[in-house]
């Protein structure tokens, strides 16, 4: 993971910035993107709506242009496939983010899960698992789900 983060840093960050801080930011971006991509892949098909929701969430959260977004998604996909679990991603997020940022990640994951209008059991399971690993309380978890439902126009019965 470090090599891909360093490559991302070298490609998109100005040489004058502090490397340690920027590399940490990009590690957070890769970790967040990997979790969002995992959510996208949880059910049996990946829809265009899920891809769009993932791209939108990453673009909004990290203020990325198209080239940066494409590179980030490629790196995150590689990292997610090579990972043996979610801990490497959630531990980085826990070390780098406050409660509100973690709740926003959960809300983004809900938006991706609901983007196709169907909430799969595997998606629900991953949401609960990641929320627990990020120490997001149940009330915040449910509130994030409700905001994502409203944004997606999905009825509360799901």
N, C-alpha and C. Protein backbone atom coordinates (compact mmCIF):
# COMPACT_ATOMS: atom_id res chain seq x y z
N UNK A 1 0.83 -1.19 0.00
CA UNK A 1 0.00 0.00 0.00
C UNK A 1 0.87 1.25 0.00
N UNK A 2 1.96 1.24 0.71
CA UNK A 2 2.82 2.42 0.80
C UNK A 2 3.36 2.82 -0.58
N UNK A 3 3.76 1.84 -1.40
CA UNK A 3 4.31 2.16 -2.71
C UNK A 3 3.27 2.83 -3.60
N UNK A 4 2.04 2.34 -3.57
CA UNK A 4 1.01 2.94 -4.41
C UNK A 4 0.62 4.33 -3.91
N UNK A 5 0.62 4.51 -2.60
CA UNK A 5 0.34 5.84 -2.05
C UNK A 5 1.45 6.80 -2.44
N UNK A 6 2.70 6.35 -2.34
CA UNK A 6 3.83 7.20 -2.71
C UNK A 6 3.74 7.59 -4.20
N UNK A 7 3.36 6.63 -5.04
CA UNK A 7 3.22 6.92 -6.48
C UNK A 7 2.13 7.96 -6.70
N UNK A 8 1.00 7.80 -6.01
CA UNK A 8 -0.10 8.77 -6.12
C UNK A 8 0.38 10.15 -5.66
N UNK A 9 1.10 10.18 -4.56
CA UNK A 9 1.64 11.43 -4.04
C UNK A 9 2.56 12.10 -5.06
N UNK A 10 3.50 11.33 -5.60
CA UNK A 10 4.46 11.89 -6.56
C UNK A 10 3.80 12.38 -7.83
N UNK A 11 2.72 11.75 -8.22
CA UNK A 11 2.07 12.12 -9.46
C UNK A 11 1.22 13.38 -9.31
N UNK A 12 0.55 13.57 -8.15
CA UNK A 12 -0.44 14.63 -8.06
C UNK A 12 -0.17 15.73 -7.05
N UNK A 13 0.85 15.62 -6.26
CA UNK A 13 1.12 16.63 -5.24
C UNK A 13 2.34 17.43 -5.63
N UNK A 14 2.24 18.73 -5.42
CA UNK A 14 3.36 19.60 -5.75
C UNK A 14 4.57 19.26 -4.89
N UNK A 15 5.77 19.31 -5.47
CA UNK A 15 6.97 18.95 -4.72
C UNK A 15 7.21 19.81 -3.48
N UNK A 16 6.64 20.99 -3.40
CA UNK A 16 6.89 21.87 -2.27
C UNK A 16 6.12 21.53 -1.02
N UNK A 17 5.13 20.64 -1.10
CA UNK A 17 4.35 20.32 0.09
C UNK A 17 5.10 19.34 0.96
N UNK A 18 4.68 19.29 2.23
CA UNK A 18 5.32 18.35 3.15
C UNK A 18 4.88 16.94 2.83
N UNK A 19 5.83 16.06 2.53
CA UNK A 19 5.54 14.72 2.06
C UNK A 19 4.78 13.88 3.09
N UNK A 20 5.17 13.92 4.33
CA UNK A 20 4.52 13.09 5.34
C UNK A 20 3.04 13.39 5.47
N UNK A 21 2.69 14.66 5.53
CA UNK A 21 1.30 15.05 5.66
C UNK A 21 0.51 14.70 4.41
N UNK A 22 1.06 14.97 3.24
CA UNK A 22 0.37 14.68 1.99
C UNK A 22 0.23 13.18 1.77
N UNK A 23 1.24 12.41 2.10
CA UNK A 23 1.17 10.96 1.94
C UNK A 23 0.10 10.39 2.87
N UNK A 24 -0.02 10.94 4.07
CA UNK A 24 -1.07 10.51 4.98
C UNK A 24 -2.45 10.83 4.45
N UNK A 25 -2.61 12.01 3.86
CA UNK A 25 -3.88 12.38 3.25
C UNK A 25 -4.24 11.43 2.13
N UNK A 26 -3.27 11.08 1.33
CA UNK A 26 -3.55 10.20 0.20
C UNK A 26 -3.75 8.76 0.64
N UNK A 27 -3.12 8.37 1.73
CA UNK A 27 -3.41 7.07 2.30
C UNK A 27 -4.86 7.00 2.76
N UNK A 28 -5.34 8.09 3.36
CA UNK A 28 -6.73 8.18 3.78
C UNK A 28 -7.65 8.11 2.57
N UNK A 29 -7.28 8.78 1.49
CA UNK A 29 -8.09 8.74 0.27
C UNK A 29 -8.18 7.32 -0.28
N UNK A 30 -7.05 6.63 -0.33
CA UNK A 30 -7.04 5.25 -0.84
C UNK A 30 -7.87 4.36 0.08
N UNK A 31 -7.74 4.50 1.38
CA UNK A 31 -8.49 3.68 2.33
C UNK A 31 -9.99 3.92 2.18
N UNK A 32 -10.38 5.18 2.09
CA UNK A 32 -11.80 5.51 1.93
C UNK A 32 -12.33 4.99 0.61
N UNK A 33 -11.58 5.20 -0.46
CA UNK A 33 -12.00 4.72 -1.78
C UNK A 33 -12.12 3.20 -1.79
N UNK A 34 -11.21 2.51 -1.13
CA UNK A 34 -11.26 1.05 -1.09
C UNK A 34 -12.55 0.57 -0.41
N UNK A 35 -12.95 1.22 0.67
CA UNK A 35 -14.19 0.83 1.35
C UNK A 35 -15.39 1.11 0.46
N UNK A 36 -15.40 2.24 -0.22
CA UNK A 36 -16.52 2.56 -1.10
C UNK A 36 -16.60 1.58 -2.27
N UNK A 37 -15.45 1.20 -2.81
CA UNK A 37 -15.43 0.23 -3.90
C UNK A 37 -15.88 -1.15 -3.42
N UNK A 38 -15.52 -1.50 -2.21
CA UNK A 38 -15.99 -2.77 -1.64
C UNK A 38 -17.50 -2.78 -1.54
N UNK A 39 -18.08 -1.68 -1.14
CA UNK A 39 -19.53 -1.60 -1.06
C UNK A 39 -20.15 -1.77 -2.45
N UNK A 40 -19.54 -1.17 -3.42
CA UNK A 40 -20.04 -1.26 -4.79
C UNK A 40 -20.03 -2.71 -5.27
N UNK A 41 -19.06 -3.49 -4.83
CA UNK A 41 -18.91 -4.87 -5.28
C UNK A 41 -19.64 -5.89 -4.40
N UNK A 42 -20.36 -5.45 -3.38
CA UNK A 42 -20.97 -6.38 -2.43
C UNK A 42 -22.10 -7.21 -3.01
N UNK A 43 -22.91 -6.63 -3.88
CA UNK A 43 -23.99 -7.45 -4.44
C UNK A 43 -23.50 -8.10 -5.73
N UNK A 44 -24.38 -8.80 -6.40
CA UNK A 44 -23.96 -9.61 -7.55
C UNK A 44 -23.70 -8.81 -8.83
N UNK A 45 -23.99 -7.53 -8.81
CA UNK A 45 -23.73 -6.72 -10.00
C UNK A 45 -23.34 -5.29 -9.61
N UNK A 46 -22.54 -4.70 -10.48
CA UNK A 46 -22.14 -3.30 -10.29
C UNK A 46 -22.89 -2.48 -11.33
N UNK A 47 -23.68 -1.53 -10.86
CA UNK A 47 -24.47 -0.72 -11.77
C UNK A 47 -23.78 0.61 -12.05
N UNK A 48 -24.23 1.26 -13.11
CA UNK A 48 -23.72 2.59 -13.41
C UNK A 48 -24.05 3.58 -12.30
N UNK A 49 -25.21 3.40 -11.68
CA UNK A 49 -25.60 4.28 -10.57
C UNK A 49 -24.63 4.14 -9.39
N UNK A 50 -24.20 2.92 -9.12
CA UNK A 50 -23.23 2.70 -8.04
C UNK A 50 -21.88 3.32 -8.38
N UNK A 51 -21.46 3.15 -9.62
CA UNK A 51 -20.19 3.76 -10.06
C UNK A 51 -20.26 5.29 -9.93
N UNK A 52 -21.37 5.85 -10.37
CA UNK A 52 -21.54 7.30 -10.30
C UNK A 52 -21.57 7.79 -8.85
N UNK A 53 -22.24 7.05 -7.97
CA UNK A 53 -22.31 7.43 -6.56
C UNK A 53 -20.92 7.37 -5.92
N UNK A 54 -20.14 6.36 -6.27
CA UNK A 54 -18.79 6.23 -5.75
C UNK A 54 -17.92 7.39 -6.22
N UNK A 55 -17.95 7.67 -7.51
CA UNK A 55 -17.15 8.76 -8.07
C UNK A 55 -17.56 10.10 -7.46
N UNK A 56 -18.85 10.32 -7.33
CA UNK A 56 -19.35 11.57 -6.76
C UNK A 56 -18.91 11.75 -5.31
N UNK A 57 -19.01 10.68 -4.53
CA UNK A 57 -18.61 10.75 -3.12
C UNK A 57 -17.13 11.07 -2.98
N UNK A 58 -16.30 10.41 -3.77
CA UNK A 58 -14.85 10.66 -3.69
C UNK A 58 -14.49 12.05 -4.19
N UNK A 59 -15.12 12.46 -5.28
CA UNK A 59 -14.84 13.79 -5.84
C UNK A 59 -15.22 14.88 -4.83
N UNK A 60 -16.38 14.72 -4.21
CA UNK A 60 -16.86 15.71 -3.24
C UNK A 60 -16.02 15.72 -1.97
N UNK A 61 -15.71 14.54 -1.45
CA UNK A 61 -15.00 14.46 -0.18
C UNK A 61 -13.56 14.93 -0.29
N UNK A 62 -12.90 14.64 -1.41
CA UNK A 62 -11.47 14.93 -1.52
C UNK A 62 -11.13 16.01 -2.56
N UNK A 63 -12.13 16.59 -3.20
CA UNK A 63 -11.92 17.67 -4.16
C UNK A 63 -10.93 17.26 -5.26
N UNK A 64 -11.25 16.18 -5.95
CA UNK A 64 -10.37 15.62 -6.97
C UNK A 64 -10.84 15.98 -8.37
N UNK A 65 -9.88 16.15 -9.26
CA UNK A 65 -10.24 16.30 -10.67
C UNK A 65 -10.37 14.90 -11.27
N UNK A 66 -10.73 14.82 -12.54
CA UNK A 66 -11.00 13.54 -13.19
C UNK A 66 -9.79 12.62 -13.19
N UNK A 67 -8.62 13.15 -13.51
CA UNK A 67 -7.41 12.32 -13.56
C UNK A 67 -7.06 11.79 -12.16
N UNK A 68 -7.16 12.62 -11.15
CA UNK A 68 -6.88 12.19 -9.79
C UNK A 68 -7.88 11.13 -9.33
N UNK A 69 -9.16 11.33 -9.68
CA UNK A 69 -10.19 10.38 -9.32
C UNK A 69 -9.93 9.03 -9.97
N UNK A 70 -9.60 9.03 -11.25
CA UNK A 70 -9.32 7.77 -11.95
C UNK A 70 -8.13 7.03 -11.32
N UNK A 71 -7.09 7.77 -11.01
CA UNK A 71 -5.91 7.16 -10.40
C UNK A 71 -6.25 6.62 -9.01
N UNK A 72 -6.97 7.39 -8.23
CA UNK A 72 -7.37 6.96 -6.90
C UNK A 72 -8.21 5.69 -6.95
N UNK A 73 -9.16 5.63 -7.85
CA UNK A 73 -10.01 4.45 -7.95
C UNK A 73 -9.22 3.22 -8.39
N UNK A 74 -8.26 3.41 -9.28
CA UNK A 74 -7.42 2.30 -9.71
C UNK A 74 -6.58 1.78 -8.54
N UNK A 75 -5.96 2.70 -7.80
CA UNK A 75 -5.15 2.30 -6.64
C UNK A 75 -5.99 1.63 -5.57
N UNK A 76 -7.15 2.19 -5.32
CA UNK A 76 -8.02 1.64 -4.29
C UNK A 76 -8.50 0.24 -4.67
N UNK A 77 -8.78 0.04 -5.93
CA UNK A 77 -9.21 -1.28 -6.37
C UNK A 77 -8.09 -2.30 -6.19
N UNK A 78 -6.88 -1.91 -6.53
CA UNK A 78 -5.73 -2.80 -6.34
C UNK A 78 -5.55 -3.14 -4.86
N UNK A 79 -5.64 -2.13 -4.01
CA UNK A 79 -5.46 -2.34 -2.57
C UNK A 79 -6.57 -3.20 -1.99
N UNK A 80 -7.80 -2.96 -2.42
CA UNK A 80 -8.93 -3.74 -1.90
C UNK A 80 -8.80 -5.21 -2.29
N UNK A 81 -8.35 -5.47 -3.49
CA UNK A 81 -8.20 -6.86 -3.94
C UNK A 81 -7.05 -7.55 -3.21
N UNK A 82 -6.02 -6.81 -2.86
CA UNK A 82 -4.86 -7.40 -2.19
C UNK A 82 -5.06 -7.52 -0.67
N UNK A 83 -6.02 -6.80 -0.13
CA UNK A 83 -6.23 -6.77 1.32
C UNK A 83 -6.83 -8.08 1.83
N UNK A 84 -6.44 -8.43 3.03
CA UNK A 84 -6.99 -9.64 3.65
C UNK A 84 -8.21 -9.32 4.50
N UNK A 85 -8.50 -8.05 4.67
CA UNK A 85 -9.65 -7.63 5.46
C UNK A 85 -9.81 -6.13 5.35
N UNK A 86 -10.61 -5.58 6.24
CA UNK A 86 -10.90 -4.15 6.20
C UNK A 86 -10.10 -3.36 7.23
N UNK A 87 -9.45 -4.05 8.14
CA UNK A 87 -8.75 -3.38 9.23
C UNK A 87 -7.70 -2.39 8.74
N UNK A 88 -6.94 -2.76 7.72
CA UNK A 88 -5.89 -1.85 7.25
C UNK A 88 -6.49 -0.52 6.79
N UNK A 89 -7.70 -0.54 6.27
CA UNK A 89 -8.35 0.68 5.81
C UNK A 89 -9.00 1.42 6.97
N UNK A 90 -9.72 0.69 7.82
CA UNK A 90 -10.43 1.35 8.91
C UNK A 90 -9.48 1.90 9.97
N UNK A 91 -8.35 1.24 10.18
CA UNK A 91 -7.39 1.76 11.17
C UNK A 91 -6.79 3.07 10.69
N UNK A 92 -6.53 3.19 9.41
CA UNK A 92 -6.01 4.45 8.86
C UNK A 92 -7.05 5.56 8.98
N UNK A 93 -8.29 5.22 8.70
CA UNK A 93 -9.37 6.21 8.83
C UNK A 93 -9.55 6.61 10.29
N UNK A 94 -9.52 5.64 11.20
CA UNK A 94 -9.66 5.96 12.63
C UNK A 94 -8.54 6.88 13.11
N UNK A 95 -7.34 6.67 12.61
CA UNK A 95 -6.19 7.48 13.03
C UNK A 95 -6.23 8.88 12.43
N UNK A 96 -6.92 9.04 11.31
CA UNK A 96 -6.88 10.31 10.57
C UNK A 96 -8.14 11.14 10.65
N UNK A 97 -9.26 10.55 11.01
CA UNK A 97 -10.55 11.23 10.91
C UNK A 97 -11.23 11.40 12.27
N UNK A 98 -12.00 12.47 12.34
CA UNK A 98 -12.85 12.68 13.50
C UNK A 98 -14.19 11.99 13.30
N UNK A 99 -15.04 12.08 14.31
CA UNK A 99 -16.33 11.39 14.28
C UNK A 99 -17.19 11.82 13.09
N UNK A 100 -17.25 13.11 12.81
CA UNK A 100 -18.09 13.58 11.71
C UNK A 100 -17.59 13.08 10.35
N UNK A 101 -16.29 13.01 10.17
CA UNK A 101 -15.74 12.49 8.92
C UNK A 101 -16.07 11.01 8.75
N UNK A 102 -15.99 10.26 9.82
CA UNK A 102 -16.30 8.83 9.76
C UNK A 102 -17.79 8.62 9.47
N UNK A 103 -18.64 9.45 10.06
CA UNK A 103 -20.07 9.36 9.78
C UNK A 103 -20.33 9.68 8.31
N UNK A 104 -19.60 10.63 7.77
CA UNK A 104 -19.75 10.98 6.34
C UNK A 104 -19.33 9.80 5.46
N UNK A 105 -18.30 9.08 5.83
CA UNK A 105 -17.88 7.89 5.07
C UNK A 105 -18.99 6.84 5.10
N UNK A 106 -19.59 6.64 6.27
CA UNK A 106 -20.70 5.69 6.39
C UNK A 106 -21.87 6.13 5.53
N UNK A 107 -22.17 7.42 5.54
CA UNK A 107 -23.26 7.93 4.71
C UNK A 107 -22.96 7.70 3.23
N UNK A 108 -21.71 7.94 2.82
CA UNK A 108 -21.32 7.69 1.43
C UNK A 108 -21.48 6.21 1.08
N UNK A 109 -21.12 5.34 2.00
CA UNK A 109 -21.28 3.91 1.75
C UNK A 109 -22.75 3.55 1.60
N UNK A 110 -23.61 4.16 2.44
CA UNK A 110 -25.05 3.93 2.31
C UNK A 110 -25.54 4.41 0.95
N UNK A 111 -25.06 5.56 0.50
CA UNK A 111 -25.50 6.08 -0.80
C UNK A 111 -25.15 5.11 -1.92
N UNK A 112 -24.00 4.50 -1.84
CA UNK A 112 -23.59 3.53 -2.86
C UNK A 112 -24.46 2.27 -2.75
N UNK A 113 -24.70 1.81 -1.53
CA UNK A 113 -25.52 0.62 -1.33
C UNK A 113 -26.94 0.82 -1.86
N UNK A 114 -27.46 2.02 -1.73
CA UNK A 114 -28.83 2.31 -2.13
C UNK A 114 -28.95 2.83 -3.56
N UNK A 115 -27.83 3.07 -4.22
CA UNK A 115 -27.84 3.69 -5.55
C UNK A 115 -28.61 2.88 -6.58
N UNK A 116 -28.60 1.56 -6.46
CA UNK A 116 -29.30 0.73 -7.43
C UNK A 116 -30.75 0.44 -7.03
N UNK A 117 -31.20 1.07 -5.93
CA UNK A 117 -32.58 0.90 -5.48
C UNK A 117 -32.85 -0.41 -4.77
N UNK A 118 -31.81 -1.17 -4.48
CA UNK A 118 -31.95 -2.47 -3.83
C UNK A 118 -30.87 -2.61 -2.76
N UNK A 119 -31.28 -2.96 -1.55
CA UNK A 119 -30.32 -3.17 -0.47
C UNK A 119 -30.14 -4.66 -0.26
N UNK A 120 -28.99 -5.15 -0.64
CA UNK A 120 -28.65 -6.57 -0.55
C UNK A 120 -28.24 -6.90 0.89
N UNK A 121 -28.44 -8.14 1.31
CA UNK A 121 -28.05 -8.57 2.66
C UNK A 121 -26.55 -8.42 2.88
N UNK A 122 -25.76 -8.67 1.85
CA UNK A 122 -24.30 -8.52 1.97
C UNK A 122 -23.92 -7.05 2.17
N UNK A 123 -24.65 -6.16 1.53
CA UNK A 123 -24.40 -4.73 1.71
C UNK A 123 -24.72 -4.32 3.14
N UNK A 124 -25.83 -4.78 3.67
CA UNK A 124 -26.20 -4.48 5.06
C UNK A 124 -25.15 -5.00 6.04
N UNK A 125 -24.68 -6.20 5.78
CA UNK A 125 -23.66 -6.79 6.65
C UNK A 125 -22.36 -5.96 6.62
N UNK A 126 -21.92 -5.59 5.43
CA UNK A 126 -20.70 -4.78 5.32
C UNK A 126 -20.87 -3.44 6.01
N UNK A 127 -22.05 -2.83 5.86
CA UNK A 127 -22.28 -1.52 6.51
C UNK A 127 -22.11 -1.64 8.03
N UNK A 128 -22.73 -2.64 8.61
CA UNK A 128 -22.64 -2.80 10.07
C UNK A 128 -21.21 -3.08 10.50
N UNK A 129 -20.52 -3.90 9.73
CA UNK A 129 -19.14 -4.26 10.05
C UNK A 129 -18.23 -3.02 10.01
N UNK A 130 -18.34 -2.25 8.95
CA UNK A 130 -17.49 -1.06 8.81
C UNK A 130 -17.85 -0.02 9.86
N UNK A 131 -19.13 0.17 10.12
CA UNK A 131 -19.54 1.13 11.15
C UNK A 131 -18.95 0.73 12.50
N UNK A 132 -18.95 -0.54 12.80
CA UNK A 132 -18.35 -1.00 14.06
C UNK A 132 -16.84 -0.76 14.08
N UNK A 133 -16.17 -1.07 12.98
CA UNK A 133 -14.72 -0.86 12.91
C UNK A 133 -14.33 0.62 12.99
N UNK A 134 -15.24 1.49 12.54
CA UNK A 134 -14.98 2.94 12.60
C UNK A 134 -15.51 3.57 13.88
N UNK A 135 -16.08 2.75 14.75
CA UNK A 135 -16.64 3.22 16.03
C UNK A 135 -17.73 4.27 15.83
N UNK A 136 -18.56 4.05 14.81
CA UNK A 136 -19.72 4.91 14.57
C UNK A 136 -20.88 4.32 15.36
N UNK A 137 -21.44 5.12 16.25
CA UNK A 137 -22.53 4.67 17.09
C UNK A 137 -23.79 4.36 16.29
N UNK A 138 -24.68 3.59 16.91
CA UNK A 138 -25.89 3.15 16.23
C UNK A 138 -26.77 4.33 15.79
N UNK A 139 -26.94 5.32 16.62
CA UNK A 139 -27.78 6.47 16.27
C UNK A 139 -27.21 7.20 15.04
N UNK A 140 -25.89 7.39 15.00
CA UNK A 140 -25.26 8.04 13.85
C UNK A 140 -25.34 7.17 12.61
N UNK A 141 -25.22 5.87 12.80
CA UNK A 141 -25.33 4.90 11.71
C UNK A 141 -26.72 4.98 11.07
N UNK A 142 -27.77 4.99 11.89
CA UNK A 142 -29.14 5.06 11.39
C UNK A 142 -29.41 6.42 10.76
N UNK A 143 -28.92 7.49 11.36
CA UNK A 143 -29.12 8.83 10.79
C UNK A 143 -28.45 8.95 9.42
N UNK A 144 -27.26 8.37 9.28
CA UNK A 144 -26.56 8.39 7.99
C UNK A 144 -27.35 7.60 6.95
N UNK A 145 -27.91 6.48 7.38
CA UNK A 145 -28.73 5.67 6.48
C UNK A 145 -29.96 6.45 6.02
N UNK A 146 -30.61 7.15 6.93
CA UNK A 146 -31.80 7.92 6.58
C UNK A 146 -31.47 9.06 5.62
N UNK A 147 -30.36 9.74 5.86
CA UNK A 147 -29.95 10.83 4.94
C UNK A 147 -29.66 10.27 3.55
N UNK A 148 -29.01 9.11 3.49
CA UNK A 148 -28.71 8.48 2.20
C UNK A 148 -29.99 8.04 1.50
N UNK A 149 -30.94 7.51 2.25
CA UNK A 149 -32.22 7.13 1.66
C UNK A 149 -32.94 8.33 1.07
N UNK A 150 -32.97 9.41 1.82
CA UNK A 150 -33.62 10.62 1.33
C UNK A 150 -32.94 11.14 0.08
N UNK A 151 -31.63 11.16 0.08
CA UNK A 151 -30.87 11.64 -1.09
C UNK A 151 -31.12 10.75 -2.31
N UNK A 152 -31.28 9.46 -2.09
CA UNK A 152 -31.48 8.52 -3.20
C UNK A 152 -32.96 8.39 -3.57
N UNK A 153 -33.85 8.93 -2.75
CA UNK A 153 -35.27 8.81 -3.02
C UNK A 153 -35.79 7.40 -2.79
N UNK A 154 -35.14 6.66 -1.88
CA UNK A 154 -35.54 5.28 -1.59
C UNK A 154 -36.49 5.30 -0.40
N UNK A 155 -37.61 4.56 -0.50
CA UNK A 155 -38.56 4.54 0.62
C UNK A 155 -37.95 3.88 1.87
N UNK A 156 -38.41 4.27 3.05
CA UNK A 156 -37.85 3.76 4.30
C UNK A 156 -38.03 2.28 4.55
N UNK A 157 -38.80 1.57 3.78
CA UNK A 157 -39.04 0.14 4.02
C UNK A 157 -37.82 -0.72 3.78
N UNK A 158 -36.78 -0.22 3.12
CA UNK A 158 -35.57 -1.01 2.83
C UNK A 158 -34.69 -1.12 4.04
